PDB file of N, CA and C in Angstrom:
ATOM      1  N   MET A   1       4.677  17.362  24.879  1.00  0.00           N
ATOM      2  CA  MET A   1       4.376  16.222  24.017  1.00  0.00           C
ATOM      3  C   MET A   1       5.542  16.037  23.045  1.00  0.00           C
ATOM      4  N   ALA A   2       6.165  14.866  23.075  1.00  0.00           N
ATOM      5  CA  ALA A   2       7.259  14.547  22.164  1.00  0.00           C
ATOM      6  C   ALA A   2       6.674  14.027  20.850  1.00  0.00           C
ATOM      7  N   VAL A   3       7.044  14.681  19.767  1.00  0.00           N
ATOM      8  CA  VAL A   3       6.534  14.302  18.450  1.00  0.00           C
ATOM      9  C   VAL A   3       7.673  13.689  17.657  1.00  0.00           C
ATOM     10  N   LYS A   4       7.396  12.555  17.019  1.00  0.00           N
ATOM     11  CA  LYS A   4       8.392  11.846  16.223  1.00  0.00           C
ATOM     12  C   LYS A   4       7.906  11.707  14.789  1.00  0.00           C
ATOM     13  N   ILE A   5       8.860  11.694  13.874  1.00  0.00           N
ATOM     14  CA  ILE A   5       8.595  11.341  12.479  1.00  0.00           C
ATOM     15  C   ILE A   5       9.108   9.919  12.333  1.00  0.00           C
ATOM     16  N   ARG A   6       8.220   8.987  12.030  1.00  0.00           N
ATOM     17  CA  ARG A   6       8.597   7.577  12.006  1.00  0.00           C
ATOM     18  C   ARG A   6       7.815   6.807  10.953  1.00  0.00           C
ATOM     19  N   LEU A   7       8.139   5.522  10.845  1.00  0.00           N
ATOM     20  CA  LEU A   7       7.477   4.659   9.866  1.00  0.00           C
ATOM     21  C   LEU A   7       6.277   3.964  10.498  1.00  0.00           C
ATOM     22  N   LYS A   8       5.208   3.849   9.724  1.00  0.00           N
ATOM     23  CA  LYS A   8       4.019   3.118  10.135  1.00  0.00           C
ATOM     24  C   LYS A   8       3.884   1.944   9.173  1.00  0.00           C
ATOM     25  N   ARG A   9       3.983   0.719   9.691  1.00  0.00           N
ATOM     26  CA  ARG A   9       3.978  -0.464   8.825  1.00  0.00           C
ATOM     27  C   ARG A   9       2.569  -0.776   8.369  1.00  0.00           C
ATOM     28  N   MET A  10       2.457  -1.043   7.081  1.00  0.00           N
ATOM     29  CA  MET A  10       1.191  -1.438   6.489  1.00  0.00           C
ATOM     30  C   MET A  10       1.484  -2.571   5.516  1.00  0.00           C
ATOM     31  N   GLY A  11       0.487  -3.046   4.824  1.00  0.00           N
ATOM     32  CA  GLY A  11       0.686  -4.097   3.839  1.00  0.00           C
ATOM     33  C   GLY A  11       0.420  -5.466   4.413  1.00  0.00           C
ATOM     34  N   ALA A  12       0.551  -6.461   3.571  1.00  0.00           N
ATOM     35  CA  ALA A  12       0.271  -7.833   3.954  1.00  0.00           C
ATOM     36  C   ALA A  12       1.458  -8.468   4.664  1.00  0.00           C
ATOM     37  N   LYS A  13       1.233  -9.666   5.171  1.00  0.00           N
ATOM     38  CA  LYS A  13       2.309 -10.409   5.804  1.00  0.00           C
ATOM     39  C   LYS A  13       3.403 -10.693   4.783  1.00  0.00           C
ATOM     40  N   LYS A  14       4.636 -10.418   5.130  1.00  0.00           N
ATOM     41  CA  LYS A  14       5.820 -10.602   4.295  1.00  0.00           C
ATOM     42  C   LYS A  14       5.834  -9.707   3.060  1.00  0.00           C
ATOM     43  N   ALA A  15       4.999  -8.681   3.050  1.00  0.00           N
ATOM     44  CA  ALA A  15       4.996  -7.688   1.966  1.00  0.00           C
ATOM     45  C   ALA A  15       4.817  -6.307   2.591  1.00  0.00           C
ATOM     46  N   PRO A  16       5.838  -5.820   3.303  1.00  0.00           N
ATOM     47  CA  PRO A  16       5.673  -4.560   4.034  1.00  0.00           C
ATOM     48  C   PRO A  16       5.620  -3.338   3.129  1.00  0.00           C
ATOM     49  N   PHE A  17       4.870  -2.376   3.576  1.00  0.00           N
ATOM     50  CA  PHE A  17       4.728  -1.082   2.934  1.00  0.00           C
ATOM     51  C   PHE A  17       4.665  -0.087   4.074  1.00  0.00           C
ATOM     52  N   TYR A  18       5.430   0.983   3.999  1.00  0.00           N
ATOM     53  CA  TYR A  18       5.516   1.900   5.123  1.00  0.00           C
ATOM     54  C   TYR A  18       5.021   3.281   4.739  1.00  0.00           C
ATOM     55  N   ARG A  19       4.327   3.936   5.667  1.00  0.00           N
ATOM     56  CA  ARG A  19       3.982   5.332   5.529  1.00  0.00           C
ATOM     57  C   ARG A  19       4.873   6.114   6.479  1.00  0.00           C
ATOM     58  N   ILE A  20       5.358   7.257   6.031  1.00  0.00           N
ATOM     59  CA  ILE A  20       6.154   8.131   6.883  1.00  0.00           C
ATOM     60  C   ILE A  20       5.169   9.085   7.539  1.00  0.00           C
ATOM     61  N   VAL A  21       5.059   8.979   8.876  1.00  0.00           N
ATOM     62  CA  VAL A  21       4.043   9.726   9.603  1.00  0.00           C
ATOM     63  C   VAL A  21       4.658  10.551  10.726  1.00  0.00           C
ATOM     64  N   VAL A  22       3.914  11.548  11.140  1.00  0.00           N
ATOM     65  CA  VAL A  22       4.247  12.339  12.316  1.00  0.00           C
ATOM     66  C   VAL A  22       3.287  11.878  13.399  1.00  0.00           C
ATOM     67  N   ALA A  23       3.836  11.427  14.548  1.00  0.00           N
ATOM     68  CA  ALA A  23       2.995  10.876  15.609  1.00  0.00           C
ATOM     69  C   ALA A  23       3.575  11.205  16.971  1.00  0.00           C
ATOM     70  N   ASP A  24       2.728  11.157  17.965  1.00  0.00           N
ATOM     71  CA  ASP A  24       3.172  11.295  19.345  1.00  0.00           C
ATOM     72  C   ASP A  24       4.053  10.093  19.665  1.00  0.00           C
ATOM     73  N   ALA A  25       5.125  10.313  20.403  1.00  0.00           N
ATOM     74  CA  ALA A  25       6.082   9.248  20.695  1.00  0.00           C
ATOM     75  C   ALA A  25       5.469   8.115  21.512  1.00  0.00           C
ATOM     76  N   ARG A  26       4.376   8.385  22.224  1.00  0.00           N
ATOM     77  CA  ARG A  26       3.771   7.367  23.094  1.00  0.00           C
ATOM     78  C   ARG A  26       2.785   6.460  22.373  1.00  0.00           C
ATOM     79  N   THR A  27       2.394   6.793  21.156  1.00  0.00           N
ATOM     80  CA  THR A  27       1.429   5.961  20.440  1.00  0.00           C
ATOM     81  C   THR A  27       2.112   4.724  19.868  1.00  0.00           C
ATOM     82  N   PRO A  28       1.373   3.614  19.707  1.00  0.00           N
ATOM     83  CA  PRO A  28       1.976   2.414  19.115  1.00  0.00           C
ATOM     84  C   PRO A  28       2.329   2.606  17.646  1.00  0.00           C
ATOM     85  N   ARG A  29       3.125   1.688  17.116  1.00  0.00           N
ATOM     86  CA  ARG A  29       3.634   1.800  15.741  1.00  0.00           C
ATOM     87  C   ARG A  29       2.520   1.937  14.717  1.00  0.00           C
ATOM     88  N   GLY A  30       1.473   1.174  14.856  1.00  0.00           N
ATOM     89  CA  GLY A  30       0.379   1.217  13.889  1.00  0.00           C
ATOM     90  C   GLY A  30      -0.776   2.077  14.345  1.00  0.00           C
ATOM     91  N   GLY A  31      -0.576   2.886  15.375  1.00  0.00           N
ATOM     92  CA  GLY A  31      -1.651   3.685  15.951  1.00  0.00           C
ATOM     93  C   GLY A  31      -1.942   4.956  15.171  1.00  0.00           C
ATOM     94  N   LYS A  32      -2.714   5.812  15.837  1.00  0.00           N
ATOM     95  CA  LYS A  32      -3.150   7.061  15.229  1.00  0.00           C
ATOM     96  C   LYS A  32      -1.960   7.997  15.006  1.00  0.00           C
ATOM     97  N   SER A  33      -1.965   8.663  13.864  1.00  0.00           N
ATOM     98  CA  SER A  33      -0.884   9.597  13.553  1.00  0.00           C
ATOM     99  C   SER A  33      -1.452  11.006  13.393  1.00  0.00           C
ATOM    100  N   ILE A  34      -0.592  11.993  13.552  1.00  0.00           N
ATOM    101  CA  ILE A  34      -0.988  13.389  13.420  1.00  0.00           C
ATOM    102  C   ILE A  34      -1.052  13.785  11.948  1.00  0.00           C
ATOM    103  N   ASP A  35      -0.032  13.363  11.176  1.00  0.00           N
ATOM    104  CA  ASP A  35       0.066  13.756   9.771  1.00  0.00           C
ATOM    105  C   ASP A  35       0.839  12.685   9.007  1.00  0.00           C
ATOM    106  N   GLU A  36       0.488  12.483   7.742  1.00  0.00           N
ATOM    107  CA  GLU A  36       1.221  11.574   6.869  1.00  0.00           C
ATOM    108  C   GLU A  36       1.973  12.417   5.850  1.00  0.00           C
ATOM    109  N   ILE A  37       3.295  12.230   5.805  1.00  0.00           N
ATOM    110  CA  ILE A  37       4.099  13.090   4.928  1.00  0.00           C
ATOM    111  C   ILE A  37       4.754  12.333   3.777  1.00  0.00           C
ATOM    112  N   GLY A  38       4.521  11.029   3.677  1.00  0.00           N
ATOM    113  CA  GLY A  38       5.106  10.288   2.563  1.00  0.00           C
ATOM    114  C   GLY A  38       4.933   8.798   2.721  1.00  0.00           C
ATOM    115  N   TYR A  39       5.570   8.041   1.813  1.00  0.00           N
ATOM    116  CA  TYR A  39       5.537   6.587   1.896  1.00  0.00           C
ATOM    117  C   TYR A  39       6.837   6.002   1.381  1.00  0.00           C
ATOM    118  N   TYR A  40       7.066   4.748   1.748  1.00  0.00           N
ATOM    119  CA  TYR A  40       8.288   4.030   1.386  1.00  0.00           C
ATOM    120  C   TYR A  40       7.915   2.582   1.120  1.00  0.00           C
ATOM    121  N   ASP A  41       8.268   2.082  -0.071  1.00  0.00           N
ATOM    122  CA  ASP A  41       7.975   0.695  -0.439  1.00  0.00           C
ATOM    123  C   ASP A  41       9.280  -0.013  -0.787  1.00  0.00           C
ATOM    124  N   PRO A  42       9.832  -0.783   0.172  1.00  0.00           N
ATOM    125  CA  PRO A  42      11.106  -1.461  -0.080  1.00  0.00           C
ATOM    126  C   PRO A  42      10.976  -2.723  -0.916  1.00  0.00           C
ATOM    127  N   THR A  43       9.760  -3.187  -1.190  1.00  0.00           N
ATOM    128  CA  THR A  43       9.594  -4.434  -1.934  1.00  0.00           C
ATOM    129  C   THR A  43       9.744  -4.248  -3.438  1.00  0.00           C
ATOM    130  N   LYS A  44       9.588  -3.035  -3.932  1.00  0.00           N
ATOM    131  CA  LYS A  44       9.737  -2.760  -5.366  1.00  0.00           C
ATOM    132  C   LYS A  44      11.214  -2.673  -5.730  1.00  0.00           C
ATOM    133  N   GLN A  45      11.515  -2.885  -6.989  1.00  0.00           N
ATOM    134  CA  GLN A  45      12.880  -2.743  -7.487  1.00  0.00           C
ATOM    135  C   GLN A  45      12.895  -1.680  -8.566  1.00  0.00           C
ATOM    136  N   PRO A  46      13.493  -0.526  -8.403  1.00  0.00           N
ATOM    137  CA  PRO A  46      14.136  -0.018  -7.191  1.00  0.00           C
ATOM    138  C   PRO A  46      13.108   0.431  -6.157  1.00  0.00           C
ATOM    139  N   CYS A  47      13.573   0.658  -4.936  1.00  0.00           N
ATOM    140  CA  CYS A  47      12.690   1.052  -3.837  1.00  0.00           C
ATOM    141  C   CYS A  47      11.971   2.355  -4.176  1.00  0.00           C
ATOM    142  N   VAL A  48      10.711   2.433  -3.791  1.00  0.00           N
ATOM    143  CA  VAL A  48       9.905   3.623  -4.046  1.00  0.00           C
ATOM    144  C   VAL A  48       9.880   4.472  -2.775  1.00  0.00           C
ATOM    145  N   LEU A  49      10.259   5.743  -2.905  1.00  0.00           N
ATOM    146  CA  LEU A  49      10.272   6.664  -1.772  1.00  0.00           C
ATOM    147  C   LEU A  49       9.664   7.976  -2.225  1.00  0.00           C
ATOM    148  N   LYS A  50       8.603   8.398  -1.573  1.00  0.00           N
ATOM    149  CA  LYS A  50       7.933   9.659  -1.902  1.00  0.00           C
ATOM    150  C   LYS A  50       7.722  10.427  -0.604  1.00  0.00           C
ATOM    151  N   VAL A  51       8.248  11.654  -0.542  1.00  0.00           N
ATOM    152  CA  VAL A  51       8.158  12.463   0.673  1.00  0.00           C
ATOM    153  C   VAL A  51       7.724  13.879   0.305  1.00  0.00           C
ATOM    154  N   ASP A  52       6.806  14.435   1.078  1.00  0.00           N
ATOM    155  CA  ASP A  52       6.432  15.840   0.938  1.00  0.00           C
ATOM    156  C   ASP A  52       7.474  16.656   1.698  1.00  0.00           C
ATOM    157  N   GLY A  53       8.434  17.208   0.985  1.00  0.00           N
ATOM    158  CA  GLY A  53       9.566  17.884   1.587  1.00  0.00           C
ATOM    159  C   GLY A  53       9.197  19.098   2.409  1.00  0.00           C
ATOM    160  N   GLU A  54       8.253  19.902   1.931  1.00  0.00           N
ATOM    161  CA  GLU A  54       7.870  21.106   2.670  1.00  0.00           C
ATOM    162  C   GLU A  54       7.233  20.746   4.006  1.00  0.00           C
ATOM    163  N   SER A  55       6.376  19.743   3.995  1.00  0.00           N
ATOM    164  CA  SER A  55       5.727  19.312   5.230  1.00  0.00           C
ATOM    165  C   SER A  55       6.745  18.728   6.214  1.00  0.00           C
ATOM    166  N   ALA A  56       7.695  17.965   5.708  1.00  0.00           N
ATOM    167  CA  ALA A  56       8.727  17.382   6.576  1.00  0.00           C
ATOM    168  C   ALA A  56       9.589  18.476   7.197  1.00  0.00           C
ATOM    169  N   LYS A  57       9.987  19.461   6.411  1.00  0.00           N
ATOM    170  CA  LYS A  57      10.786  20.565   6.947  1.00  0.00           C
ATOM    171  C   LYS A  57      10.005  21.367   7.983  1.00  0.00           C
ATOM    172  N   LYS A  58       8.700  21.535   7.732  1.00  0.00           N
ATOM    173  CA  LYS A  58       7.861  22.267   8.686  1.00  0.00           C
ATOM    174  C   LYS A  58       7.821  21.547  10.028  1.00  0.00           C
ATOM    175  N   TRP A  59       7.616  20.220  10.003  1.00  0.00           N
ATOM    176  CA  TRP A  59       7.542  19.458  11.249  1.00  0.00           C
ATOM    177  C   TRP A  59       8.886  19.431  11.967  1.00  0.00           C
ATOM    178  N   ILE A  60       9.979  19.302  11.236  1.00  0.00           N
ATOM    179  CA  ILE A  60      11.307  19.313  11.863  1.00  0.00           C
ATOM    180  C   ILE A  60      11.580  20.691  12.465  1.00  0.00           C
ATOM    181  N   GLY A  61      11.158  21.741  11.781  1.00  0.00           N
ATOM    182  CA  GLY A  61      11.300  23.092  12.314  1.00  0.00           C
ATOM    183  C   GLY A  61      10.482  23.327  13.572  1.00  0.00           C
ATOM    184  N   ASN A  62       9.362  22.610  13.691  1.00  0.00           N
ATOM    185  CA  ASN A  62       8.519  22.733  14.878  1.00  0.00           C
ATOM    186  C   ASN A  62       8.980  21.830  16.016  1.00  0.00           C
ATOM    187  N   GLY A  63      10.046  21.053  15.807  1.00  0.00           N
ATOM    188  CA  GLY A  63      10.603  20.258  16.898  1.00  0.00           C
ATOM    189  C   GLY A  63      10.391  18.761  16.805  1.00  0.00           C
ATOM    190  N   ALA A  64       9.800  18.265  15.732  1.00  0.00           N
ATOM    191  CA  ALA A  64       9.608  16.818  15.591  1.00  0.00           C
ATOM    192  C   ALA A  64      10.956  16.151  15.332  1.00  0.00           C
ATOM    193  N   GLN A  65      11.210  15.040  16.001  1.00  0.00           N
ATOM    194  CA  GLN A  65      12.471  14.322  15.875  1.00  0.00           C
ATOM    195  C   GLN A  65      12.289  13.103  14.972  1.00  0.00           C
ATOM    196  N   PRO A  66      13.005  13.019  13.842  1.00  0.00           N
ATOM    197  CA  PRO A  66      12.909  11.813  13.006  1.00  0.00           C
ATOM    198  C   PRO A  66      13.678  10.656  13.642  1.00  0.00           C
ATOM    199  N   THR A  67      13.171   9.448  13.454  1.00  0.00           N
ATOM    200  CA  THR A  67      13.890   8.267  13.915  1.00  0.00           C
ATOM    201  C   THR A  67      15.103   8.064  13.014  1.00  0.00           C
ATOM    202  N   ASP A  68      15.997   7.163  13.404  1.00  0.00           N
ATOM    203  CA  ASP A  68      17.220   6.934  12.631  1.00  0.00           C
ATOM    204  C   ASP A  68      16.908   6.515  11.202  1.00  0.00           C
ATOM    205  N   THR A  69      15.966   5.589  11.031  1.00  0.00           N
ATOM    206  CA  THR A  69      15.616   5.103   9.692  1.00  0.00           C
ATOM    207  C   THR A  69      15.002   6.214   8.853  1.00  0.00           C
ATOM    208  N   VAL A  70      14.116   6.984   9.443  1.00  0.00           N
ATOM    209  CA  VAL A  70      13.469   8.069   8.705  1.00  0.00           C
ATOM    210  C   VAL A  70      14.484   9.148   8.358  1.00  0.00           C
ATOM    211  N   ARG A  71      15.452   9.397   9.230  1.00  0.00           N
ATOM    212  CA  ARG A  71      16.497  10.378   8.941  1.00  0.00           C
ATOM    213  C   ARG A  71      17.275   9.961   7.687  1.00  0.00           C
ATOM    214  N   ILE A  72      17.601   8.675   7.569  1.00  0.00           N
ATOM    215  CA  ILE A  72      18.308   8.165   6.388  1.00  0.00           C
ATOM    216  C   ILE A  72      17.439   8.336   5.134  1.00  0.00           C
ATOM    217  N   LEU A  73      16.146   8.026   5.247  1.00  0.00           N
ATOM    218  CA  LEU A  73      15.247   8.161   4.098  1.00  0.00           C
ATOM    219  C   LEU A  73      15.093   9.623   3.682  1.00  0.00           C
ATOM    220  N   LEU A  74      15.020  10.527   4.652  1.00  0.00           N
ATOM    221  CA  LEU A  74      14.903  11.948   4.322  1.00  0.00           C
ATOM    222  C   LEU A  74      16.166  12.465   3.644  1.00  0.00           C
ATOM    223  N   LYS A  75      17.331  11.930   4.035  1.00  0.00           N
ATOM    224  CA  LYS A  75      18.572  12.300   3.367  1.00  0.00           C
ATOM    225  C   LYS A  75      18.585  11.801   1.928  1.00  0.00           C
ATOM    226  N   LYS A  76      18.103  10.575   1.703  1.00  0.00           N
ATOM    227  CA  LYS A  76      18.038  10.031   0.340  1.00  0.00           C
ATOM    228  C   LYS A  76      17.092  10.839  -0.536  1.00  0.00           C
ATOM    229  N   ALA A  77      16.001  11.340   0.075  1.00  0.00           N
ATOM    230  CA  ALA A  77      15.021  12.128  -0.684  1.00  0.00           C
ATOM    231  C   ALA A  77      15.492  13.555  -0.902  1.00  0.00           C
ATOM    232  N   GLY A  78      16.567  13.956  -0.221  1.00  0.00           N
ATOM    233  CA  GLY A  78      17.086  15.300  -0.374  1.00  0.00           C
ATOM    234  C   GLY A  78      16.375  16.354   0.446  1.00  0.00           C
ATOM    235  N   VAL A  79      15.624  15.925   1.446  1.00  0.00           N
ATOM    236  CA  VAL A  79      14.869  16.866   2.278  1.00  0.00           C
ATOM    237  C   VAL A  79      15.788  17.509   3.310  1.00  0.00           C
ATOM    238  N   ILE A  80      16.644  16.708   3.934  1.00  0.00           N
ATOM    239  CA  ILE A  80      17.596  17.240   4.908  1.00  0.00           C
ATOM    240  C   ILE A  80      19.004  16.912   4.442  1.00  0.00           C
ATOM    241  N   SER A  81      19.966  17.683   4.921  1.00  0.00           N
ATOM    242  CA  SER A  81      21.366  17.414   4.586  1.00  0.00           C
ATOM    243  C   SER A  81      22.191  17.517   5.846  1.00  0.00           C
ATOM    244  N   GLU A  82      22.944  16.465   6.128  1.00  0.00           N
ATOM    245  CA  GLU A  82      23.813  16.446   7.309  1.00  0.00           C
ATOM    246  C   GLU A  82      24.924  15.451   7.113  1.00  0.00           C
TER     247      GLU A  82
END
């Protein structure tokens, strides 16, 4: 089972709000997730980013692959360094 750390879109039309979730790679974007490790709100000024660093490191250590966007957000939050 391929596990990904990715964004789950929520919020109203033209007002996106994202949750950073751990999910099976085969599930749809808004589908069921295994774990929620944070959120990202790009509509606020400045952008709001909250991540549970220990949980994210645990999932990455267990083999979960972050998407490109989530990798950038985790770097901004200081969870991973590369």
